[in-house]
C-alpha atoms as a PDB file:
ATOM      1  CA  MET A   1     123.262 182.192  84.139  1.00  0.00           C
ATOM      2  CA  ALA A   2     122.490 181.119  80.308  1.00  0.00           C
ATOM      3  CA  LEU A   3     118.906 180.108  79.737  1.00  0.00           C
ATOM      4  CA  TYR A   4     118.284 177.376  77.246  1.00  0.00           C
ATOM      5  CA  GLY A   5     114.788 175.923  75.835  1.00  0.00           C
ATOM      6  CA  ILE A   6     114.561 172.529  75.098  1.00  0.00           C
ATOM      7  CA  TYR A   7     111.466 172.218  72.426  1.00  0.00           C
ATOM      8  CA  GLY A   8     110.554 168.783  71.651  1.00  0.00           C
ATOM      9  CA  ARG A   9     107.539 167.642  69.537  1.00  0.00           C
ATOM     10  CA  HIS A  10     106.641 164.000  68.789  1.00  0.00           C
ATOM     11  CA  GLU A  11     103.811 162.009  66.372  1.00  0.00           C
ATOM     12  CA  ILE A  12     101.117 161.229  67.137  1.00  0.00           C
ATOM     13  CA  ARG A  13     101.346 157.877  66.880  1.00  0.00           C
ATOM     14  CA  ASP A  14     104.453 158.292  69.395  1.00  0.00           C
ATOM     15  CA  CYS A  15     102.588 159.777  72.219  1.00  0.00           C
ATOM     16  CA  PRO A  16     102.709 158.562  75.721  1.00  0.00           C
ATOM     17  CA  LEU A  17      98.836 159.443  75.431  1.00  0.00           C
ATOM     18  CA  ASN A  18      98.541 156.865  72.431  1.00  0.00           C
ATOM     19  CA  ASN A  19     102.207 154.316  72.561  1.00  0.00           C
ATOM     20  CA  ALA A  20     102.868 152.120  76.327  1.00  0.00           C
ATOM     21  CA  GLU A  21     106.286 152.452  74.609  1.00  0.00           C
ATOM     22  CA  SER A  22     106.284 155.906  75.142  1.00  0.00           C
ATOM     23  CA  ARG A  23     104.362 155.933  78.231  1.00  0.00           C
ATOM     24  CA  LYS A  24     106.407 153.796  80.110  1.00  0.00           C
ATOM     25  CA  PHE A  25     109.842 155.878  79.526  1.00  0.00           C
ATOM     26  CA  VAL A  26     107.745 159.351  80.425  1.00  0.00           C
ATOM     27  CA  VAL A  27     106.853 157.481  83.506  1.00  0.00           C
ATOM     28  CA  GLU A  28     110.257 156.404  84.561  1.00  0.00           C
ATOM     29  CA  VAL A  29     111.647 159.846  83.675  1.00  0.00           C
ATOM     30  CA  GLY A  30     108.902 161.322  86.142  1.00  0.00           C
ATOM     31  CA  LYS A  31     110.410 158.676  88.626  1.00  0.00           C
ATOM     32  CA  ARG A  32     114.346 160.247  88.324  1.00  0.00           C
ATOM     33  CA  ASP A  33     115.952 162.555  90.499  1.00  0.00           C
ATOM     34  CA  MET A  34     117.669 164.554  87.961  1.00  0.00           C
ATOM     35  CA  SER A  35     119.608 166.544  89.962  1.00  0.00           C
ATOM     36  CA  SER A  36     122.586 163.829  89.920  1.00  0.00           C
ATOM     37  CA  ILE A  37     123.069 163.670  86.461  1.00  0.00           C
ATOM     38  CA  LEU A  38     122.935 167.143  86.004  1.00  0.00           C
ATOM     39  CA  PRO A  39     126.017 168.067  86.846  1.00  0.00           C
ATOM     40  CA  LYS A  40     127.750 165.631  84.268  1.00  0.00           C
ATOM     41  CA  TYR A  41     125.562 168.305  81.174  1.00  0.00           C
ATOM     42  CA  LYS A  42     126.311 171.433  83.397  1.00  0.00           C
ATOM     43  CA  ILE A  43     122.891 172.072  83.378  1.00  0.00           C
ATOM     44  CA  ASN A  44     122.618 174.158  86.861  1.00  0.00           C
ATOM     45  CA  LYS A  45     118.854 173.704  87.353  1.00  0.00           C
ATOM     46  CA  ILE A  46     116.384 172.662  85.136  1.00  0.00           C
ATOM     47  CA  ILE A  47     113.483 175.861  85.489  1.00  0.00           C
ATOM     48  CA  GLY A  48     110.729 174.680  83.686  1.00  0.00           C
ATOM     49  CA  GLN A  49     109.177 171.855  81.908  1.00  0.00           C
ATOM     50  CA  TYR A  50     105.974 172.201  80.067  1.00  0.00           C
ATOM     51  CA  HIS A  51     103.493 170.223  77.544  1.00  0.00           C
ATOM     52  CA  SER A  52     101.150 170.129  76.001  1.00  0.00           C
ATOM     53  CA  ALA A  53      98.870 166.699  75.224  1.00  0.00           C
ATOM     54  CA  LEU A  54      96.997 167.527  71.995  1.00  0.00           C
ATOM     55  CA  GLU A  55      99.689 169.727  70.311  1.00  0.00           C
ATOM     56  CA  HIS A  56     102.131 167.124  71.219  1.00  0.00           C
ATOM     57  CA  THR A  57     105.162 169.242  71.597  1.00  0.00           C
ATOM     58  CA  TYR A  58     106.690 170.435  75.207  1.00  0.00           C
ATOM     59  CA  ILE A  59     109.553 173.003  76.236  1.00  0.00           C
ATOM     60  CA  TRP A  60     111.887 172.797  79.332  1.00  0.00           C
ATOM     61  CA  ILE A  61     113.641 175.382  80.764  1.00  0.00           C
ATOM     62  CA  LEU A  62     116.948 174.736  81.534  1.00  0.00           C
ATOM     63  CA  ASP A  63     120.047 177.165  83.051  1.00  0.00           C
ATOM     64  CA  ALA A  64     123.482 175.431  81.905  1.00  0.00           C
ATOM     65  CA  GLU A  65     126.447 176.256  80.321  1.00  0.00           C
ATOM     66  CA  ASP A  66     127.323 174.513  77.199  1.00  0.00           C
ATOM     67  CA  PRO A  67     124.704 173.608  74.596  1.00  0.00           C
ATOM     68  CA  HIS A  68     125.946 170.645  72.534  1.00  0.00           C
ATOM     69  CA  LEU A  69     126.515 168.675  76.911  1.00  0.00           C
ATOM     70  CA  ILE A  70     122.719 169.352  76.887  1.00  0.00           C
ATOM     71  CA  GLN A  71     122.613 168.090  73.288  1.00  0.00           C
ATOM     72  CA  GLN A  72     123.609 164.530  75.157  1.00  0.00           C
ATOM     73  CA  PHE A  73     122.290 165.096  77.422  1.00  0.00           C
ATOM     74  CA  VAL A  74     118.915 164.833  75.203  1.00  0.00           C
ATOM     75  CA  ILE A  75     120.326 161.936  73.452  1.00  0.00           C
ATOM     76  CA  GLU A  76     121.863 159.785  76.292  1.00  0.00           C
ATOM     77  CA  GLY A  77     118.241 160.822  78.778  1.00  0.00           C
ATOM     78  CA  GLY A  78     115.798 158.836  75.735  1.00  0.00           C
ATOM     79  CA  MET A  79     114.509 161.932  74.721  1.00  0.00           C
ATOM     80  CA  ALA A  80     115.468 162.012  70.859  1.00  0.00           C
ATOM     81  CA  SER A  81     114.448 158.405  70.699  1.00  0.00           C
ATOM     82  CA  PHE A  82     110.478 159.357  70.112  1.00  0.00           C
ATOM     83  CA  ASN A  83     110.978 163.408  69.853  1.00  0.00           C
ATOM     84  CA  GLU A  84     112.317 165.916  67.210  1.00  0.00           C
ATOM     85  CA  VAL A  85     114.338 168.215  69.512  1.00  0.00           C
ATOM     86  CA  LYS A  86     115.758 171.529  68.821  1.00  0.00           C
ATOM     87  CA  ILE A  87     118.130 173.891  71.769  1.00  0.00           C
ATOM     88  CA  VAL A  88     117.607 177.394  71.389  1.00  0.00           C
ATOM     89  CA  PRO A  89     118.749 180.158  73.636  1.00  0.00           C
ATOM     90  CA  LEU A  90     116.472 182.187  75.096  1.00  0.00           C
ATOM     91  CA  ILE A  91     116.990 185.365  77.232  1.00  0.00           C
ATOM     92  CA  THR A  92     113.987 187.140  79.305  1.00  0.00           C
ATOM     93  CA  PHE A  93     111.319 189.168  78.128  1.00  0.00           C
ATOM     94  CA  ASP A  94     112.650 191.456  80.502  1.00  0.00           C
ATOM     95  CA  ASP A  95     116.628 191.799  78.794  1.00  0.00           C
ATOM     96  CA  VAL A  96     114.118 192.158  75.596  1.00  0.00           C
ATOM     97  CA  VAL A  97     113.131 195.288  76.584  1.00  0.00           C
ATOM     98  CA  ARG A  98     116.311 196.564  78.072  1.00  0.00           C
ATOM     99  CA  VAL A  99     118.287 195.539  75.053  1.00  0.00           C
ATOM    100  CA  ALA A 100     115.271 197.490  72.807  1.00  0.00           C
ATOM    101  CA  GLY A 101     115.410 200.761  75.028  1.00  0.00           C
ATOM    102  CA  LYS A 102     119.199 200.785  74.506  1.00  0.00           C
ATOM    103  CA  ILE A 103     118.423 200.548  70.360  1.00  0.00           C
ATOM    104  CA  ASP A 104     115.951 203.738  70.841  1.00  0.00           C
ATOM    105  CA  GLN A 105     118.661 205.804  72.415  1.00  0.00           C
ATOM    106  CA  ASN A 106     121.325 205.450  69.930  1.00  0.00           C
END
C-alpha cells in the first residue's frame, strides 16, 4: 500500500459554492461511481475525501501505485480544470513513530 494525498486549492470565484460551472462539475463527480475508473490509474482505493469550504482547499487520500497516474486521474477527471493541485506521498503517524524510534536507537 502506498498512500498519496491530492491537495487542491481554488480561488474564491471558482468555488462550487460561488461558481455555477464548478458547482455543476462537483455535483456530477459526486454522482459518479469511481470504482470503475480507478483501475485505469492504478488507484486501489480512495481512502478519504476532505474539504474545507471556506478555506477553498481539499485533500483526497488515495492508496495508489503511481503518482504519475494520479496526475492523469486529476487532469482527465477535471479536478485540475479549476484547482491548483499537489500530489504528495504520505505515511501514517505510526510510521513516523516507528522511524523516529529507530533514529534514537542508532
